[in-house]
Amino acid sequence: MTRILQSSWFAVLIGGLLYLAATVLVLQPAKFAGLRPAGPTNRSADDDPSWRFRNPEFNQWVAQIKEEKDSLALREQNLTELQNRLAAERQEILTVTQTVAQLQMDFDRNVIRFSSQETENVRHQAKLIAAMSPAGAAAMIAEMPDDDVVRILFTMKTDEASAILDSLSTRGKDDARRAATLTVRIHQVLPATTNTSAPAANL
């Protein structure tokens, strides 16, 4: 027995057992029961995080930004309404301009003008036709273009032109219609110079 106790392997065995016993005594679970992992604790109202902080100036800035945004939205709406109104007025002006241009074209197409070169010639023709009988003058002008007839009748005296138109209207339905047209067109003559004779435009 004494020999066993004095052997080296027995001493190693005893040492290992003692190490295990010491380890169990030191690492008892009860010693660690009081140790708890760090966790959230009850915080007071003063311990709120920074993102929960309420700054009165910040709220004022937000209100100002909202007010400026509303003002910009109202201004944009006013500009849009003004743009639409200007577009409508521009369209109206364009329509009026086109109407005036069309009226000018119609006037230029219907009006009969005297050129300075033909004034004397027209006066000479008017004298010749006025010297004829109304029936003969009506038969002659029935074969002439309307513009030339209107210039001649405009240059003639009112009673002379009226007699010719009256005679022309008795030649038939077509000539009567033409006499009415000539009477209207006499008022559309624009002479180049002032005529000395009484114009037939008084018809």
C-alpha atoms as a PDB file:
ATOM      1  CA  MET A   1       0.000   0.000   0.000  1.00  0.00           C
ATOM      2  CA  THR A   2       2.791   2.341   0.949  1.00  0.00           C
ATOM      3  CA  ARG A   3       4.382   1.509  -2.331  1.00  0.00           C
ATOM      4  CA  ILE A   4       1.270   2.502  -4.264  1.00  0.00           C
ATOM      5  CA  LEU A   5       0.938   5.787  -2.440  1.00  0.00           C
ATOM      6  CA  GLN A   6       4.520   6.598  -3.218  1.00  0.00           C
ATOM      7  CA  SER A   7       4.184   5.860  -6.939  1.00  0.00           C
ATOM      8  CA  SER A   8       4.279   8.819  -9.373  1.00  0.00           C
ATOM      9  CA  TRP A   9       1.087   8.007 -11.238  1.00  0.00           C
ATOM     10  CA  PHE A  10      -0.885   8.043  -7.998  1.00  0.00           C
ATOM     11  CA  ALA A  11       0.389  11.514  -7.253  1.00  0.00           C
ATOM     12  CA  VAL A  12      -0.723  12.633 -10.734  1.00  0.00           C
ATOM     13  CA  LEU A  13      -4.161  11.154 -10.164  1.00  0.00           C
ATOM     14  CA  ILE A  14      -4.555  12.881  -6.820  1.00  0.00           C
ATOM     15  CA  GLY A  15      -3.461  16.198  -8.362  1.00  0.00           C
ATOM     16  CA  GLY A  16      -6.001  15.924 -11.164  1.00  0.00           C
ATOM     17  CA  LEU A  17      -8.811  15.198  -8.732  1.00  0.00           C
ATOM     18  CA  LEU A  18      -7.853  18.159  -6.595  1.00  0.00           C
ATOM     19  CA  TYR A  19      -7.821  20.433  -9.711  1.00  0.00           C
ATOM     20  CA  LEU A  20     -11.270  19.297 -10.709  1.00  0.00           C
ATOM     21  CA  ALA A  21     -12.628  19.861  -7.212  1.00  0.00           C
ATOM     22  CA  ALA A  22     -11.139  23.347  -7.053  1.00  0.00           C
ATOM     23  CA  THR A  23     -12.577  24.206 -10.449  1.00  0.00           C
ATOM     24  CA  VAL A  24     -16.082  23.099  -9.403  1.00  0.00           C
ATOM     25  CA  LEU A  25     -15.865  25.122  -6.196  1.00  0.00           C
ATOM     26  CA  VAL A  26     -14.692  28.253  -7.975  1.00  0.00           C
ATOM     27  CA  LEU A  27     -17.128  28.075 -10.896  1.00  0.00           C
ATOM     28  CA  GLN A  28     -20.377  27.547  -8.952  1.00  0.00           C
ATOM     29  CA  PRO A  29     -23.500  28.668 -10.900  1.00  0.00           C
ATOM     30  CA  ALA A  30     -24.853  30.417  -7.794  1.00  0.00           C
ATOM     31  CA  LYS A  31     -22.022  32.944  -7.930  1.00  0.00           C
ATOM     32  CA  PHE A  32     -23.087  34.039 -11.417  1.00  0.00           C
ATOM     33  CA  ALA A  33     -26.823  34.196 -10.668  1.00  0.00           C
ATOM     34  CA  GLY A  34     -26.576  37.834  -9.679  1.00  0.00           C
ATOM     35  CA  LEU A  35     -24.805  38.816 -12.875  1.00  0.00           C
ATOM     36  CA  ARG A  36     -27.332  39.863 -15.531  1.00  0.00           C
ATOM     37  CA  PRO A  37     -26.565  41.159 -18.980  1.00  0.00           C
ATOM     38  CA  ALA A  38     -26.839  44.884 -19.384  1.00  0.00           C
ATOM     39  CA  GLY A  39     -30.252  45.785 -20.733  1.00  0.00           C
ATOM     40  CA  PRO A  40     -32.661  48.669 -21.006  1.00  0.00           C
ATOM     41  CA  THR A  41     -33.750  50.193 -17.772  1.00  0.00           C
ATOM     42  CA  ASN A  42     -36.527  52.539 -16.944  1.00  0.00           C
ATOM     43  CA  ARG A  43     -35.570  55.984 -18.165  1.00  0.00           C
ATOM     44  CA  SER A  44     -36.990  59.247 -17.039  1.00  0.00           C
ATOM     45  CA  ALA A  45     -38.500  61.822 -19.414  1.00  0.00           C
ATOM     46  CA  ASP A  46     -35.215  63.713 -19.332  1.00  0.00           C
ATOM     47  CA  ASP A  47     -33.323  60.645 -20.717  1.00  0.00           C
ATOM     48  CA  ASP A  48     -35.166  60.685 -24.115  1.00  0.00           C
ATOM     49  CA  PRO A  49     -32.927  60.215 -27.171  1.00  0.00           C
ATOM     50  CA  SER A  50     -31.935  63.256 -29.194  1.00  0.00           C
ATOM     51  CA  TRP A  51     -34.318  62.455 -32.051  1.00  0.00           C
ATOM     52  CA  ARG A  52     -37.264  62.882 -29.655  1.00  0.00           C
ATOM     53  CA  PHE A  53     -36.162  66.362 -28.690  1.00  0.00           C
ATOM     54  CA  ARG A  54     -38.659  69.105 -29.528  1.00  0.00           C
ATOM     55  CA  ASN A  55     -37.117  72.437 -30.530  1.00  0.00           C
ATOM     56  CA  PRO A  56     -39.549  75.392 -30.752  1.00  0.00           C
ATOM     57  CA  GLU A  57     -37.347  77.102 -33.348  1.00  0.00           C
ATOM     58  CA  PHE A  58     -37.428  73.988 -35.490  1.00  0.00           C
ATOM     59  CA  ASN A  59     -41.226  73.979 -35.387  1.00  0.00           C
ATOM     60  CA  GLN A  60     -41.203  77.650 -36.385  1.00  0.00           C
ATOM     61  CA  TRP A  61     -38.919  76.887 -39.324  1.00  0.00           C
ATOM     62  CA  VAL A  62     -41.235  74.098 -40.446  1.00  0.00           C
ATOM     63  CA  ALA A  63     -44.205  76.481 -40.239  1.00  0.00           C
ATOM     64  CA  GLN A  64     -42.346  79.123 -42.264  1.00  0.00           C
ATOM     65  CA  ILE A  65     -41.357  76.591 -44.915  1.00  0.00           C
ATOM     66  CA  LYS A  66     -44.976  75.406 -45.163  1.00  0.00           C
ATOM     67  CA  GLU A  67     -46.183  79.007 -45.465  1.00  0.00           C
ATOM     68  CA  GLU A  68     -43.643  79.752 -48.214  1.00  0.00           C
ATOM     69  CA  LYS A  69     -44.639  76.560 -50.001  1.00  0.00           C
ATOM     70  CA  ASP A  70     -48.319  77.562 -49.902  1.00  0.00           C
ATOM     71  CA  SER A  71     -47.395  81.056 -51.139  1.00  0.00           C
ATOM     72  CA  LEU A  72     -45.398  79.595 -54.032  1.00  0.00           C
ATOM     73  CA  ALA A  73     -48.275  77.267 -54.912  1.00  0.00           C
ATOM     74  CA  LEU A  74     -50.703  80.223 -54.956  1.00  0.00           C
ATOM     75  CA  ARG A  75     -48.293  82.261 -57.080  1.00  0.00           C
ATOM     76  CA  GLU A  76     -47.894  79.374 -59.515  1.00  0.00           C
ATOM     77  CA  GLN A  77     -51.682  79.090 -59.769  1.00  0.00           C
ATOM     78  CA  ASN A  78     -51.984  82.825 -60.460  1.00  0.00           C
ATOM     79  CA  LEU A  79     -49.272  82.634 -63.111  1.00  0.00           C
ATOM     80  CA  THR A  80     -51.020  79.690 -64.734  1.00  0.00           C
ATOM     81  CA  GLU A  81     -54.327  81.577 -64.809  1.00  0.00           C
ATOM     82  CA  LEU A  82     -52.561  84.639 -66.244  1.00  0.00           C
ATOM     83  CA  GLN A  83     -50.897  82.507 -68.888  1.00  0.00           C
ATOM     84  CA  ASN A  84     -54.231  80.956 -69.864  1.00  0.00           C
ATOM     85  CA  ARG A  85     -55.862  84.402 -70.002  1.00  0.00           C
ATOM     86  CA  LEU A  86     -53.046  85.767 -72.168  1.00  0.00           C
ATOM     87  CA  ALA A  87     -53.336  82.748 -74.455  1.00  0.00           C
ATOM     88  CA  ALA A  88     -57.097  83.351 -74.800  1.00  0.00           C
ATOM     89  CA  GLU A  89     -56.548  87.056 -75.510  1.00  0.00           C
ATOM     90  CA  ARG A  90     -53.831  86.216 -78.023  1.00  0.00           C
ATOM     91  CA  GLN A  91     -56.246  83.866 -79.762  1.00  0.00           C
ATOM     92  CA  GLU A  92     -58.914  86.581 -79.808  1.00  0.00           C
ATOM     93  CA  ILE A  93     -56.440  89.078 -81.264  1.00  0.00           C
ATOM     94  CA  LEU A  94     -55.422  86.525 -83.886  1.00  0.00           C
ATOM     95  CA  THR A  95     -59.067  85.924 -84.765  1.00  0.00           C
ATOM     96  CA  VAL A  96     -59.750  89.661 -85.054  1.00  0.00           C
ATOM     97  CA  THR A  97     -56.607  90.128 -87.160  1.00  0.00           C
ATOM     98  CA  GLN A  98     -57.653  87.349 -89.489  1.00  0.00           C
ATOM     99  CA  THR A  99     -61.152  88.823 -89.737  1.00  0.00           C
ATOM    100  CA  VAL A 100     -59.770  92.265 -90.565  1.00  0.00           C
ATOM    101  CA  ALA A 101     -57.435  90.748 -93.142  1.00  0.00           C
ATOM    102  CA  GLN A 102     -60.344  88.881 -94.712  1.00  0.00           C
ATOM    103  CA  LEU A 103     -62.453  92.046 -94.774  1.00  0.00           C
ATOM    104  CA  GLN A 104     -59.575  93.915 -96.373  1.00  0.00           C
ATOM    105  CA  MET A 105     -59.229  91.203 -98.998  1.00  0.00           C
ATOM    106  CA  ASP A 106     -62.962  91.328 -99.685  1.00  0.00           C
ATOM    107  CA  PHE A 107     -62.853  95.106 -99.912  1.00  0.00           C
ATOM    108  CA  ASP A 108     -59.863  95.070-102.245  1.00  0.00           C
ATOM    109  CA  ARG A 109     -61.586  92.456-104.382  1.00  0.00           C
ATOM    110  CA  ASN A 110     -64.863  94.371-104.609  1.00  0.00           C
ATOM    111  CA  VAL A 111     -63.702  97.954-104.670  1.00  0.00           C
ATOM    112  CA  ILE A 112     -63.131  99.631-108.003  1.00  0.00           C
ATOM    113  CA  ARG A 113     -60.255 102.083-108.178  1.00  0.00           C
ATOM    114  CA  PHE A 114     -59.375 104.739-110.668  1.00  0.00           C
ATOM    115  CA  SER A 115     -55.785 104.936-111.756  1.00  0.00           C
ATOM    116  CA  SER A 116     -54.414 108.330-112.674  1.00  0.00           C
ATOM    117  CA  GLN A 117     -53.747 107.146-116.242  1.00  0.00           C
ATOM    118  CA  GLU A 118     -57.309 106.047-116.970  1.00  0.00           C
ATOM    119  CA  THR A 119     -59.224 108.925-115.378  1.00  0.00           C
ATOM    120  CA  GLU A 120     -59.327 111.057-118.516  1.00  0.00           C
ATOM    121  CA  ASN A 121     -60.118 108.058-120.686  1.00  0.00           C
ATOM    122  CA  VAL A 122     -63.092 107.118-118.482  1.00  0.00           C
ATOM    123  CA  ARG A 123     -64.379 110.682-118.552  1.00  0.00           C
ATOM    124  CA  HIS A 124     -64.210 110.686-122.333  1.00  0.00           C
ATOM    125  CA  GLN A 125     -66.149 107.404-122.538  1.00  0.00           C
ATOM    126  CA  ALA A 126     -68.739 108.736-120.089  1.00  0.00           C
ATOM    127  CA  LYS A 127     -69.344 111.795-122.286  1.00  0.00           C
ATOM    128  CA  LEU A 128     -69.817 109.641-125.361  1.00  0.00           C
ATOM    129  CA  ILE A 129     -72.259 107.277-123.676  1.00  0.00           C
ATOM    130  CA  ALA A 130     -74.155 110.124-122.028  1.00  0.00           C
ATOM    131  CA  ALA A 131     -74.757 111.605-125.494  1.00  0.00           C
ATOM    132  CA  MET A 132     -76.482 108.392-126.587  1.00  0.00           C
ATOM    133  CA  SER A 133     -80.088 107.460-125.909  1.00  0.00           C
ATOM    134  CA  PRO A 134     -80.651 105.509-122.689  1.00  0.00           C
ATOM    135  CA  ALA A 135     -81.651 102.426-124.661  1.00  0.00           C
ATOM    136  CA  GLY A 136     -78.571 102.616-126.884  1.00  0.00           C
ATOM    137  CA  ALA A 137     -76.292 103.239-123.885  1.00  0.00           C
ATOM    138  CA  ALA A 138     -77.882 100.273-122.067  1.00  0.00           C
ATOM    139  CA  ALA A 139     -77.309  98.015-125.056  1.00  0.00           C
ATOM    140  CA  MET A 140     -73.664  99.113-125.206  1.00  0.00           C
ATOM    141  CA  ILE A 141     -72.839  98.669-121.555  1.00  0.00           C
ATOM    142  CA  ALA A 142     -74.540  95.268-121.627  1.00  0.00           C
ATOM    143  CA  GLU A 143     -71.550  94.074-123.634  1.00  0.00           C
ATOM    144  CA  MET A 144     -68.889  95.693-121.390  1.00  0.00           C
ATOM    145  CA  PRO A 145     -67.214  94.305-118.246  1.00  0.00           C
ATOM    146  CA  ASP A 146     -68.784  95.351-114.955  1.00  0.00           C
ATOM    147  CA  ASP A 147     -65.693  97.217-113.701  1.00  0.00           C
ATOM    148  CA  ASP A 148     -65.544  99.395-116.795  1.00  0.00           C
ATOM    149  CA  VAL A 149     -69.300 100.086-116.686  1.00  0.00           C
ATOM    150  CA  VAL A 150     -69.124 101.055-113.006  1.00  0.00           C
ATOM    151  CA  ARG A 151     -66.269 103.499-113.650  1.00  0.00           C
ATOM    152  CA  ILE A 152     -68.220 105.108-116.507  1.00  0.00           C
ATOM    153  CA  LEU A 153     -71.482 105.358-114.574  1.00  0.00           C
ATOM    154  CA  PHE A 154     -69.640 106.769-111.565  1.00  0.00           C
ATOM    155  CA  THR A 155     -68.142 109.505-113.738  1.00  0.00           C
ATOM    156  CA  MET A 156     -71.489 110.419-115.317  1.00  0.00           C
ATOM    157  CA  LYS A 157     -74.084 112.710-113.801  1.00  0.00           C
ATOM    158  CA  THR A 158     -76.659 111.081-111.575  1.00  0.00           C
ATOM    159  CA  ASP A 159     -79.655 111.562-113.913  1.00  0.00           C
ATOM    160  CA  GLU A 160     -77.688 110.249-116.904  1.00  0.00           C
ATOM    161  CA  ALA A 161     -76.534 107.121-115.079  1.00  0.00           C
ATOM    162  CA  SER A 162     -80.021 106.536-113.662  1.00  0.00           C
ATOM    163  CA  ALA A 163     -81.618 106.665-117.104  1.00  0.00           C
ATOM    164  CA  ILE A 164     -79.134 104.115-118.463  1.00  0.00           C
ATOM    165  CA  LEU A 165     -79.630 101.749-115.507  1.00  0.00           C
ATOM    166  CA  ASP A 166     -83.405 102.079-115.831  1.00  0.00           C
ATOM    167  CA  SER A 167     -83.239 101.201-119.503  1.00  0.00           C
ATOM    168  CA  LEU A 168     -80.914  98.266-118.756  1.00  0.00           C
ATOM    169  CA  SER A 169     -83.301  96.863-116.147  1.00  0.00           C
ATOM    170  CA  THR A 170     -86.129  96.693-118.719  1.00  0.00           C
ATOM    171  CA  ARG A 171     -84.157  94.411-121.078  1.00  0.00           C
ATOM    172  CA  GLY A 172     -84.884  91.249-119.119  1.00  0.00           C
ATOM    173  CA  LYS A 173     -84.464  89.493-115.792  1.00  0.00           C
ATOM    174  CA  ASP A 174     -80.709  88.991-116.113  1.00  0.00           C
ATOM    175  CA  ASP A 175     -80.101  92.587-117.134  1.00  0.00           C
ATOM    176  CA  ALA A 176     -82.305  93.814-114.301  1.00  0.00           C
ATOM    177  CA  ARG A 177     -80.224  91.795-111.862  1.00  0.00           C
ATOM    178  CA  ARG A 178     -77.058  93.212-113.411  1.00  0.00           C
ATOM    179  CA  ALA A 179     -78.430  96.755-113.126  1.00  0.00           C
ATOM    180  CA  ALA A 180     -78.972  96.196-109.399  1.00  0.00           C
ATOM    181  CA  THR A 181     -75.445  94.867-109.030  1.00  0.00           C
ATOM    182  CA  LEU A 182     -73.984  97.837-110.891  1.00  0.00           C
ATOM    183  CA  THR A 183     -75.924 100.227-108.669  1.00  0.00           C
ATOM    184  CA  VAL A 184     -74.400  98.645-105.569  1.00  0.00           C
ATOM    185  CA  ARG A 185     -70.899  98.595-106.997  1.00  0.00           C
ATOM    186  CA  ILE A 186     -71.023 102.273-107.926  1.00  0.00           C
ATOM    187  CA  HIS A 187     -70.785 102.995-104.196  1.00  0.00           C
ATOM    188  CA  GLN A 188     -67.565 100.963-104.024  1.00  0.00           C
ATOM    189  CA  VAL A 189     -65.607 103.162-106.421  1.00  0.00           C
ATOM    190  CA  LEU A 190     -62.503 104.949-105.115  1.00  0.00           C
ATOM    191  CA  PRO A 191     -61.549 107.693-107.567  1.00  0.00           C
ATOM    192  CA  ALA A 192     -57.928 108.681-107.975  1.00  0.00           C
ATOM    193  CA  THR A 193     -58.790 112.394-108.092  1.00  0.00           C
ATOM    194  CA  THR A 194     -61.834 114.509-107.360  1.00  0.00           C
ATOM    195  CA  ASN A 195     -64.225 114.455-110.278  1.00  0.00           C
ATOM    196  CA  THR A 196     -65.562 117.778-111.499  1.00  0.00           C
ATOM    197  CA  SER A 197     -68.818 116.194-112.658  1.00  0.00           C
ATOM    198  CA  ALA A 198     -71.471 115.033-110.231  1.00  0.00           C
ATOM    199  CA  PRO A 199     -70.784 111.338-109.461  1.00  0.00           C
ATOM    200  CA  ALA A 200     -73.397 108.681-109.917  1.00  0.00           C
ATOM    201  CA  ALA A 201     -72.569 107.374-106.437  1.00  0.00           C
ATOM    202  CA  ASN A 202     -75.510 109.422-105.200  1.00  0.00           C
ATOM    203  CA  LEU A 203     -77.785 106.751-106.674  1.00  0.00           C
END
